[in-house]
């Protein structure tokens, strides 16, 4: 079975994010209040309500991984809908970077993509 490199990269990014969620999302019993068990059950019902604090060093590492993957995609990218899976992957990677507070400007150059990182400004 041959797994494409983009699938491996996305899988690793997802594992890292879930690992960070697990590491920084667990509270100790001392930090829980009287009704903590009830609030934990409400938070478990919906994942989007839970926010995770990621250390700045980890944010930079994740953004570097995302930027490197976008560069890799640019090497083999074909325009006009011929790289649909690459378009989907880049959309997912940019969505993850926006959740970390940054975004990328991606432009085409002769050798692939030129990528510029900037702070995400929500509309």
PDB file of N, CA and C in Angstrom:
ATOM      1  N   UNK A   1       0.844  -1.174   0.000  1.00  0.00           N
ATOM      2  CA  UNK A   1       0.000   0.000   0.000  1.00  0.00           C
ATOM      3  C   UNK A   1       0.894   1.244   0.000  1.00  0.00           C
ATOM      4  N   UNK A   2       0.665   2.108  -0.954  1.00  0.00           N
ATOM      5  CA  UNK A   2       1.483   3.312  -1.103  1.00  0.00           C
ATOM      6  C   UNK A   2       0.705   4.521  -0.596  1.00  0.00           C
ATOM      7  N   UNK A   3       1.185   5.133   0.485  1.00  0.00           N
ATOM      8  CA  UNK A   3       0.517   6.302   1.077  1.00  0.00           C
ATOM      9  C   UNK A   3       1.180   7.550   0.522  1.00  0.00           C
ATOM     10  N   UNK A   4       0.371   8.481  -0.047  1.00  0.00           N
ATOM     11  CA  UNK A   4       0.970   9.704  -0.592  1.00  0.00           C
ATOM     12  C   UNK A   4       1.591  10.564   0.506  1.00  0.00           C
ATOM     13  N   UNK A   5       2.652  11.303   0.184  1.00  0.00           N
ATOM     14  CA  UNK A   5       3.343  12.120   1.195  1.00  0.00           C
ATOM     15  C   UNK A   5       2.450  13.167   1.844  1.00  0.00           C
ATOM     16  N   UNK A   6       1.491  13.712   1.093  1.00  0.00           N
ATOM     17  CA  UNK A   6       0.615  14.733   1.681  1.00  0.00           C
ATOM     18  C   UNK A   6      -0.244  14.131   2.775  1.00  0.00           C
ATOM     19  N   UNK A   7      -0.636  12.870   2.626  1.00  0.00           N
ATOM     20  CA  UNK A   7      -1.466  12.226   3.646  1.00  0.00           C
ATOM     21  C   UNK A   7      -0.654  11.993   4.921  1.00  0.00           C
ATOM     22  N   UNK A   8       0.599  11.650   4.767  1.00  0.00           N
ATOM     23  CA  UNK A   8       1.464  11.452   5.926  1.00  0.00           C
ATOM     24  C   UNK A   8       1.651  12.769   6.675  1.00  0.00           C
ATOM     25  N   UNK A   9       1.883  13.855   5.925  1.00  0.00           N
ATOM     26  CA  UNK A   9       2.079  15.164   6.551  1.00  0.00           C
ATOM     27  C   UNK A   9       0.834  15.610   7.296  1.00  0.00           C
ATOM     28  N   UNK A  10      -0.325  15.490   6.650  1.00  0.00           N
ATOM     29  CA  UNK A  10      -1.575  15.891   7.309  1.00  0.00           C
ATOM     30  C   UNK A  10      -1.807  15.033   8.546  1.00  0.00           C
ATOM     31  N   UNK A  11      -1.533  13.752   8.454  1.00  0.00           N
ATOM     32  CA  UNK A  11      -1.694  12.867   9.603  1.00  0.00           C
ATOM     33  C   UNK A  11      -0.788  13.262  10.757  1.00  0.00           C
ATOM     34  N   UNK A  12       0.466  13.606  10.451  1.00  0.00           N
ATOM     35  CA  UNK A  12       1.385  14.032  11.507  1.00  0.00           C
ATOM     36  C   UNK A  12       0.935  15.338  12.151  1.00  0.00           C
ATOM     37  N   UNK A  13       0.465  16.289  11.356  1.00  0.00           N
ATOM     38  CA  UNK A  13      -0.012  17.563  11.906  1.00  0.00           C
ATOM     39  C   UNK A  13      -1.213  17.324  12.815  1.00  0.00           C
ATOM     40  N   UNK A  14      -2.131  16.465  12.379  1.00  0.00           N
ATOM     41  CA  UNK A  14      -3.308  16.155  13.198  1.00  0.00           C
ATOM     42  C   UNK A  14      -2.889  15.493  14.504  1.00  0.00           C
ATOM     43  N   UNK A  15      -1.939  14.552  14.449  1.00  0.00           N
ATOM     44  CA  UNK A  15      -1.466  13.890  15.666  1.00  0.00           C
ATOM     45  C   UNK A  15      -0.799  14.881  16.617  1.00  0.00           C
ATOM     46  N   UNK A  16      -0.017  15.805  16.070  1.00  0.00           N
ATOM     47  CA  UNK A  16       0.637  16.807  16.914  1.00  0.00           C
ATOM     48  C   UNK A  16      -0.399  17.699  17.579  1.00  0.00           C
ATOM     49  N   UNK A  17      -1.395  18.130  16.826  1.00  0.00           N
ATOM     50  CA  UNK A  17      -2.427  18.997  17.394  1.00  0.00           C
ATOM     51  C   UNK A  17      -3.202  18.258  18.475  1.00  0.00           C
ATOM     52  N   UNK A  18      -3.589  17.006  18.223  1.00  0.00           N
ATOM     53  CA  UNK A  18      -4.307  16.249  19.245  1.00  0.00           C
ATOM     54  C   UNK A  18      -3.427  16.000  20.469  1.00  0.00           C
ATOM     55  N   UNK A  19      -2.127  15.793  20.239  1.00  0.00           N
ATOM     56  CA  UNK A  19      -1.212  15.631  21.372  1.00  0.00           C
ATOM     57  C   UNK A  19      -1.133  16.888  22.214  1.00  0.00           C
ATOM     58  N   UNK A  20      -1.079  18.039  21.548  1.00  0.00           N
ATOM     59  CA  UNK A  20      -1.060  19.310  22.277  1.00  0.00           C
ATOM     60  C   UNK A  20      -2.372  19.531  23.020  1.00  0.00           C
ATOM     61  N   UNK A  21      -3.483  19.175  22.377  1.00  0.00           N
ATOM     62  CA  UNK A  21      -4.786  19.286  23.050  1.00  0.00           C
ATOM     63  C   UNK A  21      -4.801  18.414  24.286  1.00  0.00           C
ATOM     64  N   UNK A  22      -4.295  17.210  24.158  1.00  0.00           N
ATOM     65  CA  UNK A  22      -4.297  16.297  25.295  1.00  0.00           C
ATOM     66  C   UNK A  22      -3.383  16.811  26.406  1.00  0.00           C
ATOM     67  N   UNK A  23      -2.171  17.299  26.033  1.00  0.00           N
ATOM     68  CA  UNK A  23      -1.225  17.759  27.042  1.00  0.00           C
ATOM     69  C   UNK A  23      -1.722  18.983  27.795  1.00  0.00           C
ATOM     70  N   UNK A  24      -2.263  19.947  27.066  1.00  0.00           N
ATOM     71  CA  UNK A  24      -2.633  21.208  27.686  1.00  0.00           C
ATOM     72  C   UNK A  24      -4.116  21.296  28.027  1.00  0.00           C
ATOM     73  N   UNK A  25      -4.886  20.284  27.656  1.00  0.00           N
ATOM     74  CA  UNK A  25      -6.323  20.312  27.917  1.00  0.00           C
ATOM     75  C   UNK A  25      -6.731  19.625  29.202  1.00  0.00           C
ATOM     76  N   UNK A  26      -5.831  18.844  29.795  1.00  0.00           N
ATOM     77  CA  UNK A  26      -6.163  18.142  31.028  1.00  0.00           C
ATOM     78  C   UNK A  26      -5.906  19.035  32.230  1.00  0.00           C
ATOM     79  N   UNK A  27      -6.911  19.156  33.062  1.00  0.00           N
ATOM     80  CA  UNK A  27      -6.747  19.906  34.307  1.00  0.00           C
ATOM     81  C   UNK A  27      -6.556  18.921  35.445  1.00  0.00           C
ATOM     82  N   UNK A  28      -5.874  19.361  36.465  1.00  0.00           N
ATOM     83  CA  UNK A  28      -5.712  18.505  37.634  1.00  0.00           C
ATOM     84  C   UNK A  28      -6.942  18.640  38.518  1.00  0.00           C
ATOM     85  N   UNK A  29      -7.125  17.701  39.459  1.00  0.00           N
ATOM     86  CA  UNK A  29      -8.272  17.751  40.361  1.00  0.00           C
ATOM     87  C   UNK A  29      -8.266  19.018  41.208  1.00  0.00           C
ATOM     88  N   UNK A  30      -7.090  19.551  41.510  1.00  0.00           N
ATOM     89  CA  UNK A  30      -7.000  20.754  42.327  1.00  0.00           C
ATOM     90  C   UNK A  30      -7.557  21.972  41.610  1.00  0.00           C
ATOM     91  N   UNK A  31      -7.488  21.984  40.278  1.00  0.00           N
ATOM     92  CA  UNK A  31      -7.943  23.152  39.533  1.00  0.00           C
ATOM     93  C   UNK A  31      -9.438  23.106  39.211  1.00  0.00           C
ATOM     94  N   UNK A  32     -10.093  21.989  39.531  1.00  0.00           N
ATOM     95  CA  UNK A  32     -11.519  21.865  39.217  1.00  0.00           C
ATOM     96  C   UNK A  32     -12.358  22.437  40.339  1.00  0.00           C
ATOM     97  N   UNK A  33     -13.441  23.072  39.958  1.00  0.00           N
ATOM     98  CA  UNK A  33     -14.372  23.621  40.934  1.00  0.00           C
ATOM     99  C   UNK A  33     -15.393  22.598  41.367  1.00  0.00           C
ATOM    100  N   UNK A  34     -16.422  23.042  42.112  1.00  0.00           N
ATOM    101  CA  UNK A  34     -17.443  22.144  42.646  1.00  0.00           C
ATOM    102  C   UNK A  34     -18.264  21.501  41.531  1.00  0.00           C
ATOM    103  N   UNK A  35     -18.566  22.255  40.503  1.00  0.00           N
ATOM    104  CA  UNK A  35     -19.406  21.715  39.428  1.00  0.00           C
ATOM    105  C   UNK A  35     -18.583  21.377  38.190  1.00  0.00           C
ATOM    106  N   UNK A  36     -17.326  21.023  38.374  1.00  0.00           N
ATOM    107  CA  UNK A  36     -16.436  20.756  37.248  1.00  0.00           C
ATOM    108  C   UNK A  36     -16.873  19.537  36.446  1.00  0.00           C
ATOM    109  N   UNK A  37     -17.373  18.517  37.128  1.00  0.00           N
ATOM    110  CA  UNK A  37     -17.776  17.318  36.409  1.00  0.00           C
ATOM    111  C   UNK A  37     -18.914  17.615  35.445  1.00  0.00           C
ATOM    112  N   UNK A  38     -19.872  18.438  35.879  1.00  0.00           N
ATOM    113  CA  UNK A  38     -20.991  18.804  35.010  1.00  0.00           C
ATOM    114  C   UNK A  38     -20.513  19.621  33.820  1.00  0.00           C
ATOM    115  N   UNK A  39     -19.603  20.571  34.037  1.00  0.00           N
ATOM    116  CA  UNK A  39     -19.110  21.401  32.935  1.00  0.00           C
ATOM    117  C   UNK A  39     -18.243  20.572  31.984  1.00  0.00           C
ATOM    118  N   UNK A  40     -17.514  19.564  32.504  1.00  0.00           N
ATOM    119  CA  UNK A  40     -16.726  18.699  31.638  1.00  0.00           C
ATOM    120  C   UNK A  40     -17.634  17.915  30.695  1.00  0.00           C
ATOM    121  N   UNK A  41     -18.789  17.475  31.175  1.00  0.00           N
ATOM    122  CA  UNK A  41     -19.720  16.740  30.334  1.00  0.00           C
ATOM    123  C   UNK A  41     -20.292  17.647  29.254  1.00  0.00           C
ATOM    124  N   UNK A  42     -20.569  18.911  29.574  1.00  0.00           N
ATOM    125  CA  UNK A  42     -21.088  19.836  28.567  1.00  0.00           C
ATOM    126  C   UNK A  42     -20.014  20.132  27.521  1.00  0.00           C
ATOM    127  N   UNK A  43     -18.759  20.277  27.934  1.00  0.00           N
ATOM    128  CA  UNK A  43     -17.686  20.566  26.990  1.00  0.00           C
ATOM    129  C   UNK A  43     -17.414  19.374  26.083  1.00  0.00           C
ATOM    130  N   UNK A  44     -17.589  18.172  26.584  1.00  0.00           N
ATOM    131  CA  UNK A  44     -17.332  16.992  25.778  1.00  0.00           C
ATOM    132  C   UNK A  44     -18.336  16.851  24.645  1.00  0.00           C
ATOM    133  N   UNK A  45     -19.512  17.446  24.776  1.00  0.00           N
ATOM    134  CA  UNK A  45     -20.538  17.333  23.751  1.00  0.00           C
ATOM    135  C   UNK A  45     -20.138  18.062  22.475  1.00  0.00           C
ATOM    136  N   UNK A  46     -19.393  19.148  22.578  1.00  0.00           N
ATOM    137  CA  UNK A  46     -19.010  19.920  21.407  1.00  0.00           C
ATOM    138  C   UNK A  46     -17.528  20.259  21.483  1.00  0.00           C
ATOM    139  N   UNK A  47     -16.775  19.862  20.458  1.00  0.00           N
ATOM    140  CA  UNK A  47     -15.339  20.077  20.461  1.00  0.00           C
ATOM    141  C   UNK A  47     -14.994  21.529  20.172  1.00  0.00           C
ATOM    142  N   UNK A  48     -15.802  22.235  19.337  1.00  0.00           N
ATOM    143  CA  UNK A  48     -15.433  23.588  18.961  1.00  0.00           C
ATOM    144  C   UNK A  48     -15.485  24.592  20.091  1.00  0.00           C
ATOM    145  N   UNK A  49     -16.067  24.262  21.223  1.00  0.00           N
ATOM    146  CA  UNK A  49     -16.114  25.200  22.334  1.00  0.00           C
ATOM    147  C   UNK A  49     -14.809  25.177  23.126  1.00  0.00           C
ATOM    148  N   UNK A  50     -14.079  24.114  23.013  1.00  0.00           N
ATOM    149  CA  UNK A  50     -12.866  23.963  23.806  1.00  0.00           C
ATOM    150  C   UNK A  50     -11.701  24.665  23.116  1.00  0.00           C
ATOM    151  N   UNK A  51     -11.029  25.540  23.850  1.00  0.00           N
ATOM    152  CA  UNK A  51      -9.866  26.236  23.331  1.00  0.00           C
ATOM    153  C   UNK A  51      -8.616  25.644  23.949  1.00  0.00           C
ATOM    154  N   UNK A  52      -7.563  25.585  23.181  1.00  0.00           N
ATOM    155  CA  UNK A  52      -6.316  25.019  23.645  1.00  0.00           C
ATOM    156  C   UNK A  52      -5.240  26.091  23.546  1.00  0.00           C
ATOM    157  N   UNK A  53      -4.490  26.266  24.607  1.00  0.00           N
ATOM    158  CA  UNK A  53      -3.353  27.178  24.587  1.00  0.00           C
ATOM    159  C   UNK A  53      -2.130  26.405  24.122  1.00  0.00           C
ATOM    160  N   UNK A  54      -1.535  26.877  23.033  1.00  0.00           N
ATOM    161  CA  UNK A  54      -0.352  26.236  22.479  1.00  0.00           C
ATOM    162  C   UNK A  54       0.837  27.146  22.752  1.00  0.00           C
ATOM    163  N   UNK A  55       1.923  26.613  23.328  1.00  0.00           N
ATOM    164  CA  UNK A  55       3.108  27.442  23.576  1.00  0.00           C
ATOM    165  C   UNK A  55       3.637  28.050  22.276  1.00  0.00           C
ATOM    166  N   UNK A  56       4.191  29.242  22.365  1.00  0.00           N
ATOM    167  CA  UNK A  56       4.656  29.965  21.183  1.00  0.00           C
ATOM    168  C   UNK A  56       5.686  29.157  20.393  1.00  0.00           C
ATOM    169  N   UNK A  57       6.572  28.458  21.072  1.00  0.00           N
ATOM    170  CA  UNK A  57       7.569  27.646  20.372  1.00  0.00           C
ATOM    171  C   UNK A  57       6.902  26.547  19.544  1.00  0.00           C
ATOM    172  N   UNK A  58       5.838  25.974  20.056  1.00  0.00           N
ATOM    173  CA  UNK A  58       5.118  24.934  19.321  1.00  0.00           C
ATOM    174  C   UNK A  58       4.363  25.529  18.143  1.00  0.00           C
ATOM    175  N   UNK A  59       3.839  26.738  18.305  1.00  0.00           N
ATOM    176  CA  UNK A  59       3.137  27.403  17.208  1.00  0.00           C
ATOM    177  C   UNK A  59       4.105  27.620  16.052  1.00  0.00           C
ATOM    178  N   UNK A  60       5.292  28.119  16.345  1.00  0.00           N
ATOM    179  CA  UNK A  60       6.287  28.335  15.297  1.00  0.00           C
ATOM    180  C   UNK A  60       6.658  27.029  14.602  1.00  0.00           C
ATOM    181  N   UNK A  61       6.802  25.971  15.379  1.00  0.00           N
ATOM    182  CA  UNK A  61       7.137  24.664  14.812  1.00  0.00           C
ATOM    183  C   UNK A  61       6.024  24.179  13.883  1.00  0.00           C
ATOM    184  N   UNK A  62       4.777  24.275  14.330  1.00  0.00           N
ATOM    185  CA  UNK A  62       3.652  23.849  13.499  1.00  0.00           C
ATOM    186  C   UNK A  62       3.540  24.691  12.237  1.00  0.00           C
ATOM    187  N   UNK A  63       3.720  26.012  12.370  1.00  0.00           N
ATOM    188  CA  UNK A  63       3.659  26.887  11.196  1.00  0.00           C
ATOM    189  C   UNK A  63       4.789  26.584  10.213  1.00  0.00           C
ATOM    190  N   UNK A  64       5.967  26.249  10.724  1.00  0.00           N
ATOM    191  CA  UNK A  64       7.079  25.862   9.845  1.00  0.00           C
ATOM    192  C   UNK A  64       6.739  24.586   9.078  1.00  0.00           C
ATOM    193  N   UNK A  65       6.116  23.612   9.758  1.00  0.00           N
ATOM    194  CA  UNK A  65       5.706  22.373   9.093  1.00  0.00           C
ATOM    195  C   UNK A  65       4.691  22.654   7.995  1.00  0.00           C
ATOM    196  N   UNK A  66       3.711  23.508   8.299  1.00  0.00           N
ATOM    197  CA  UNK A  66       2.681  23.847   7.316  1.00  0.00           C
ATOM    198  C   UNK A  66       3.317  24.555   6.120  1.00  0.00           C
ATOM    199  N   UNK A  67       4.192  25.519   6.391  1.00  0.00           N
ATOM    200  CA  UNK A  67       4.850  26.264   5.305  1.00  0.00           C
ATOM    201  C   UNK A  67       5.693  25.340   4.435  1.00  0.00           C
ATOM    202  N   UNK A  68       6.438  24.416   5.058  1.00  0.00           N
ATOM    203  CA  UNK A  68       7.248  23.466   4.288  1.00  0.00           C
ATOM    204  C   UNK A  68       6.376  22.578   3.410  1.00  0.00           C
ATOM    205  N   UNK A  69       5.231  22.157   3.934  1.00  0.00           N
ATOM    206  CA  UNK A  69       4.339  21.302   3.138  1.00  0.00           C
ATOM    207  C   UNK A  69       3.771  22.073   1.951  1.00  0.00           C
ATOM    208  N   UNK A  70       3.439  23.356   2.138  1.00  0.00           N
ATOM    209  CA  UNK A  70       2.935  24.157   1.023  1.00  0.00           C
ATOM    210  C   UNK A  70       4.017  24.286  -0.058  1.00  0.00           C
ATOM    211  N   UNK A  71       5.282  24.449   0.355  1.00  0.00           N
ATOM    212  CA  UNK A  71       6.387  24.489  -0.612  1.00  0.00           C
ATOM    213  C   UNK A  71       6.483  23.167  -1.369  1.00  0.00           C
ATOM    214  N   UNK A  72       6.337  22.039  -0.657  1.00  0.00           N
ATOM    215  CA  UNK A  72       6.393  20.726  -1.298  1.00  0.00           C
ATOM    216  C   UNK A  72       5.266  20.555  -2.308  1.00  0.00           C
ATOM    217  N   UNK A  73       4.074  21.008  -1.956  1.00  0.00           N
ATOM    218  CA  UNK A  73       2.932  20.919  -2.872  1.00  0.00           C
ATOM    219  C   UNK A  73       3.209  21.729  -4.129  1.00  0.00           C
ATOM    220  N   UNK A  74       3.839  22.902  -3.973  1.00  0.00           N
ATOM    221  CA  UNK A  74       4.108  23.777  -5.105  1.00  0.00           C
ATOM    222  C   UNK A  74       5.000  23.167  -6.166  1.00  0.00           C
ATOM    223  N   UNK A  75       5.858  22.230  -5.771  1.00  0.00           N
ATOM    224  CA  UNK A  75       6.780  21.617  -6.726  1.00  0.00           C
ATOM    225  C   UNK A  75       6.025  20.795  -7.771  1.00  0.00           C
ATOM    226  N   UNK A  76       4.966  20.094  -7.365  1.00  0.00           N
ATOM    227  CA  UNK A  76       4.237  19.211  -8.290  1.00  0.00           C
ATOM    228  C   UNK A  76       2.845  19.726  -8.635  1.00  0.00           C
ATOM    229  N   UNK A  77       2.512  20.945  -8.212  1.00  0.00           N
ATOM    230  CA  UNK A  77       1.159  21.479  -8.398  1.00  0.00           C
ATOM    231  C   UNK A  77       0.860  21.718  -9.877  1.00  0.00           C
ATOM    232  N   UNK A  78      -0.368  21.362 -10.266  1.00  0.00           N
ATOM    233  CA  UNK A  78      -0.858  21.614 -11.622  1.00  0.00           C
ATOM    234  C   UNK A  78      -2.110  22.459 -11.520  1.00  0.00           C
ATOM    235  N   UNK A  79      -2.145  23.564 -12.252  1.00  0.00           N
ATOM    236  CA  UNK A  79      -3.272  24.503 -12.164  1.00  0.00           C
ATOM    237  C   UNK A  79      -4.497  23.986 -12.901  1.00  0.00           C
ATOM    238  N   UNK A  80      -5.560  24.785 -12.866  1.00  0.00           N
ATOM    239  CA  UNK A  80      -6.820  24.527 -13.563  1.00  0.00           C
ATOM    240  C   UNK A  80      -7.520  23.247 -13.110  1.00  0.00           C
ATOM    241  N   UNK A  81      -7.508  22.993 -11.811  1.00  0.00           N
ATOM    242  CA  UNK A  81      -8.259  21.878 -11.251  1.00  0.00           C
ATOM    243  C   UNK A  81      -7.612  20.519 -11.400  1.00  0.00           C
ATOM    244  N   UNK A  82      -6.404  20.450 -11.919  1.00  0.00           N
ATOM    245  CA  UNK A  82      -5.743  19.157 -12.096  1.00  0.00           C
ATOM    246  C   UNK A  82      -5.078  18.668 -10.825  1.00  0.00           C
ATOM    247  N   UNK A  83      -5.002  19.512  -9.801  1.00  0.00           N
ATOM    248  CA  UNK A  83      -4.442  19.117  -8.502  1.00  0.00           C
ATOM    249  C   UNK A  83      -5.477  19.384  -7.401  1.00  0.00           C
ATOM    250  N   UNK A  84      -6.653  18.833  -7.596  1.00  0.00           N
ATOM    251  CA  UNK A  84      -7.763  19.084  -6.674  1.00  0.00           C
ATOM    252  C   UNK A  84      -7.413  18.662  -5.249  1.00  0.00           C
ATOM    253  N   UNK A  85      -6.786  17.500  -5.088  1.00  0.00           N
ATOM    254  CA  UNK A  85      -6.410  17.040  -3.739  1.00  0.00           C
ATOM    255  C   UNK A  85      -5.400  17.985  -3.095  1.00  0.00           C
ATOM    256  N   UNK A  86      -4.518  18.577  -3.906  1.00  0.00           N
ATOM    257  CA  UNK A  86      -3.570  19.564  -3.378  1.00  0.00           C
ATOM    258  C   UNK A  86      -4.296  20.826  -2.923  1.00  0.00           C
ATOM    259  N   UNK A  87      -5.314  21.230  -3.692  1.00  0.00           N
ATOM    260  CA  UNK A  87      -6.111  22.398  -3.296  1.00  0.00           C
ATOM    261  C   UNK A  87      -6.799  22.155  -1.957  1.00  0.00           C
ATOM    262  N   UNK A  88      -7.358  20.958  -1.787  1.00  0.00           N
ATOM    263  CA  UNK A  88      -8.023  20.621  -0.524  1.00  0.00           C
ATOM    264  C   UNK A  88      -7.034  20.609   0.633  1.00  0.00           C
ATOM    265  N   UNK A  89      -5.857  20.040   0.403  1.00  0.00           N
ATOM    266  CA  UNK A  89      -4.852  19.982   1.462  1.00  0.00           C
ATOM    267  C   UNK A  89      -4.384  21.381   1.851  1.00  0.00           C
ATOM    268  N   UNK A  90      -4.148  22.248   0.855  1.00  0.00           N
ATOM    269  CA  UNK A  90      -3.705  23.609   1.160  1.00  0.00           C
ATOM    270  C   UNK A  90      -4.786  24.387   1.902  1.00  0.00           C
ATOM    271  N   UNK A  91      -6.046  24.165   1.556  1.00  0.00           N
ATOM    272  CA  UNK A  91      -7.142  24.812   2.274  1.00  0.00           C
ATOM    273  C   UNK A  91      -7.163  24.370   3.729  1.00  0.00           C
ATOM    274  N   UNK A  92      -6.984  23.071   3.973  1.00  0.00           N
ATOM    275  CA  UNK A  92      -6.965  22.553   5.349  1.00  0.00           C
ATOM    276  C   UNK A  92      -5.755  23.083   6.114  1.00  0.00           C
ATOM    277  N   UNK A  93      -4.592  23.137   5.472  1.00  0.00           N
ATOM    278  CA  UNK A  93      -3.389  23.637   6.135  1.00  0.00           C
ATOM    279  C   UNK A  93      -3.534  25.113   6.499  1.00  0.00           C
ATOM    280  N   UNK A  94      -4.117  25.906   5.589  1.00  0.00           N
ATOM    281  CA  UNK A  94      -4.308  27.330   5.887  1.00  0.00           C
ATOM    282  C   UNK A  94      -5.350  27.515   6.984  1.00  0.00           C
ATOM    283  N   UNK A  95      -6.369  26.654   7.032  1.00  0.00           N
ATOM    284  CA  UNK A  95      -7.369  26.744   8.106  1.00  0.00           C
ATOM    285  C   UNK A  95      -6.719  26.451   9.457  1.00  0.00           C
ATOM    286  N   UNK A  96      -5.820  25.462   9.501  1.00  0.00           N
ATOM    287  CA  UNK A  96      -5.116  25.166  10.753  1.00  0.00           C
ATOM    288  C   UNK A  96      -4.235  26.339  11.167  1.00  0.00           C
ATOM    289  N   UNK A  97      -3.560  26.952  10.208  1.00  0.00           N
ATOM    290  CA  UNK A  97      -2.693  28.081  10.554  1.00  0.00           C
ATOM    291  C   UNK A  97      -3.504  29.276  11.036  1.00  0.00           C
ATOM    292  N   UNK A  98      -4.701  29.484  10.477  1.00  0.00           N
ATOM    293  CA  UNK A  98      -5.560  30.586  10.944  1.00  0.00           C
ATOM    294  C   UNK A  98      -6.029  30.335  12.374  1.00  0.00           C
ATOM    295  N   UNK A  99      -6.239  29.080  12.746  1.00  0.00           N
ATOM    296  CA  UNK A  99      -6.608  28.774  14.121  1.00  0.00           C
ATOM    297  C   UNK A  99      -5.456  29.064  15.077  1.00  0.00           C
ATOM    298  N   UNK A 100      -4.244  29.056  14.572  1.00  0.00           N
ATOM    299  CA  UNK A 100      -3.073  29.388  15.388  1.00  0.00           C
ATOM    300  C   UNK A 100      -2.776  30.889  15.361  1.00  0.00           C
ATOM    301  N   UNK A 101      -3.588  31.644  14.600  1.00  0.00           N
ATOM    302  CA  UNK A 101      -3.449  33.100  14.578  1.00  0.00           C
ATOM    303  C   UNK A 101      -2.613  33.643  13.432  1.00  0.00           C
ATOM    304  N   UNK A 102      -2.270  32.804  12.469  1.00  0.00           N
ATOM    305  CA  UNK A 102      -1.463  33.231  11.333  1.00  0.00           C
ATOM    306  C   UNK A 102      -2.099  32.753  10.044  1.00  0.00           C
ATOM    307  N   UNK A 103      -1.650  33.285   8.933  1.00  0.00           N
ATOM    308  CA  UNK A 103      -2.114  32.845   7.622  1.00  0.00           C
ATOM    309  C   UNK A 103      -0.944  32.947   6.658  1.00  0.00           C
ATOM    310  N   UNK A 104      -1.118  32.398   5.475  1.00  0.00           N
ATOM    311  CA  UNK A 104      -0.072  32.412   4.461  1.00  0.00           C
ATOM    312  C   UNK A 104      -0.613  33.030   3.185  1.00  0.00           C
ATOM    313  N   UNK A 105       0.198  33.870   2.549  1.00  0.00           N
ATOM    314  CA  UNK A 105      -0.076  34.321   1.185  1.00  0.00           C
ATOM    315  C   UNK A 105       0.733  33.411   0.283  1.00  0.00           C
ATOM    316  N   UNK A 106       0.044  32.735  -0.629  1.00  0.00           N
ATOM    317  CA  UNK A 106       0.703  31.781  -1.514  1.00  0.00           C
ATOM    318  C   UNK A 106       0.590  32.305  -2.941  1.00  0.00           C
ATOM    319  N   UNK A 107       1.723  32.445  -3.608  1.00  0.00           N
ATOM    320  CA  UNK A 107       1.709  32.874  -5.005  1.00  0.00           C
ATOM    321  C   UNK A 107       2.595  31.938  -5.817  1.00  0.00           C
ATOM    322  N   UNK A 108       2.257  31.807  -7.082  1.00  0.00           N
ATOM    323  CA  UNK A 108       2.953  30.882  -7.956  1.00  0.00           C
ATOM    324  C   UNK A 108       4.219  31.538  -8.522  1.00  0.00           C
ATOM    325  N   UNK A 109       5.309  30.776  -8.514  1.00  0.00           N
ATOM    326  CA  UNK A 109       6.554  31.190  -9.148  1.00  0.00           C
ATOM    327  C   UNK A 109       7.024  30.033 -10.028  1.00  0.00           C
ATOM    328  N   UNK A 110       8.070  30.222 -10.784  1.00  0.00           N
ATOM    329  CA  UNK A 110       8.499  29.193 -11.738  1.00  0.00           C
ATOM    330  C   UNK A 110       8.911  27.885 -11.066  1.00  0.00           C
ATOM    331  N   UNK A 111       9.430  27.948  -9.850  1.00  0.00           N
ATOM    332  CA  UNK A 111       9.893  26.731  -9.171  1.00  0.00           C
ATOM    333  C   UNK A 111       8.902  26.195  -8.147  1.00  0.00           C
ATOM    334  N   UNK A 112       7.665  26.680  -8.143  1.00  0.00           N
ATOM    335  CA  UNK A 112       6.664  26.187  -7.188  1.00  0.00           C
ATOM    336  C   UNK A 112       5.830  27.313  -6.627  1.00  0.00           C
ATOM    337  N   UNK A 113       5.832  27.438  -5.304  1.00  0.00           N
ATOM    338  CA  UNK A 113       5.058  28.469  -4.624  1.00  0.00           C
ATOM    339  C   UNK A 113       5.978  29.364  -3.798  1.00  0.00           C
ATOM    340  N   UNK A 114       5.659  30.658  -3.784  1.00  0.00           N
ATOM    341  CA  UNK A 114       6.280  31.584  -2.847  1.00  0.00           C
ATOM    342  C   UNK A 114       5.296  31.740  -1.696  1.00  0.00           C
ATOM    343  N   UNK A 115       5.747  31.538  -0.470  1.00  0.00           N
ATOM    344  CA  UNK A 115       4.872  31.543   0.695  1.00  0.00           C
ATOM    345  C   UNK A 115       5.321  32.644   1.652  1.00  0.00           C
ATOM    346  N   UNK A 116       4.356  33.490   2.049  1.00  0.00           N
ATOM    347  CA  UNK A 116       4.638  34.556   3.004  1.00  0.00           C
ATOM    348  C   UNK A 116       3.712  34.398   4.189  1.00  0.00           C
ATOM    349  N   UNK A 117       4.285  34.321   5.391  1.00  0.00           N
ATOM    350  CA  UNK A 117       3.506  34.171   6.618  1.00  0.00           C
ATOM    351  C   UNK A 117       3.157  35.552   7.168  1.00  0.00           C
ATOM    352  N   UNK A 118       1.922  35.700   7.644  1.00  0.00           N
ATOM    353  CA  UNK A 118       1.524  36.956   8.273  1.00  0.00           C
ATOM    354  C   UNK A 118       0.475  36.673   9.352  1.00  0.00           C
ATOM    355  N   UNK A 119       0.265  37.635  10.217  1.00  0.00           N
ATOM    356  CA  UNK A 119      -0.725  37.503  11.271  1.00  0.00           C
ATOM    357  C   UNK A 119      -2.113  37.516  10.641  1.00  0.00           C
ATOM    358  N   UNK A 120      -2.955  36.586  11.067  1.00  0.00           N
ATOM    359  CA  UNK A 120      -4.301  36.465  10.502  1.00  0.00           C
ATOM    360  C   UNK A 120      -5.193  37.600  11.019  1.00  0.00           C
ATOM    361  N   UNK A 121      -5.846  38.293  10.105  1.00  0.00           N
ATOM    362  CA  UNK A 121      -6.796  39.359  10.459  1.00  0.00           C
ATOM    363  C   UNK A 121      -8.191  38.869  10.105  1.00  0.00           C
ATOM    364  N   UNK A 122      -9.003  38.439  11.098  1.00  0.00           N
ATOM    365  CA  UNK A 122     -10.353  37.970  10.796  1.00  0.00           C
ATOM    366  C   UNK A 122     -11.189  39.075  10.165  1.00  0.00           C
ATOM    367  N   UNK A 123     -12.061  38.675   9.275  1.00  0.00           N
ATOM    368  CA  UNK A 123     -12.910  39.641   8.562  1.00  0.00           C
ATOM    369  C   UNK A 123     -14.072  40.052   9.429  1.00  0.00           C
TER     370      UNK A 123
END
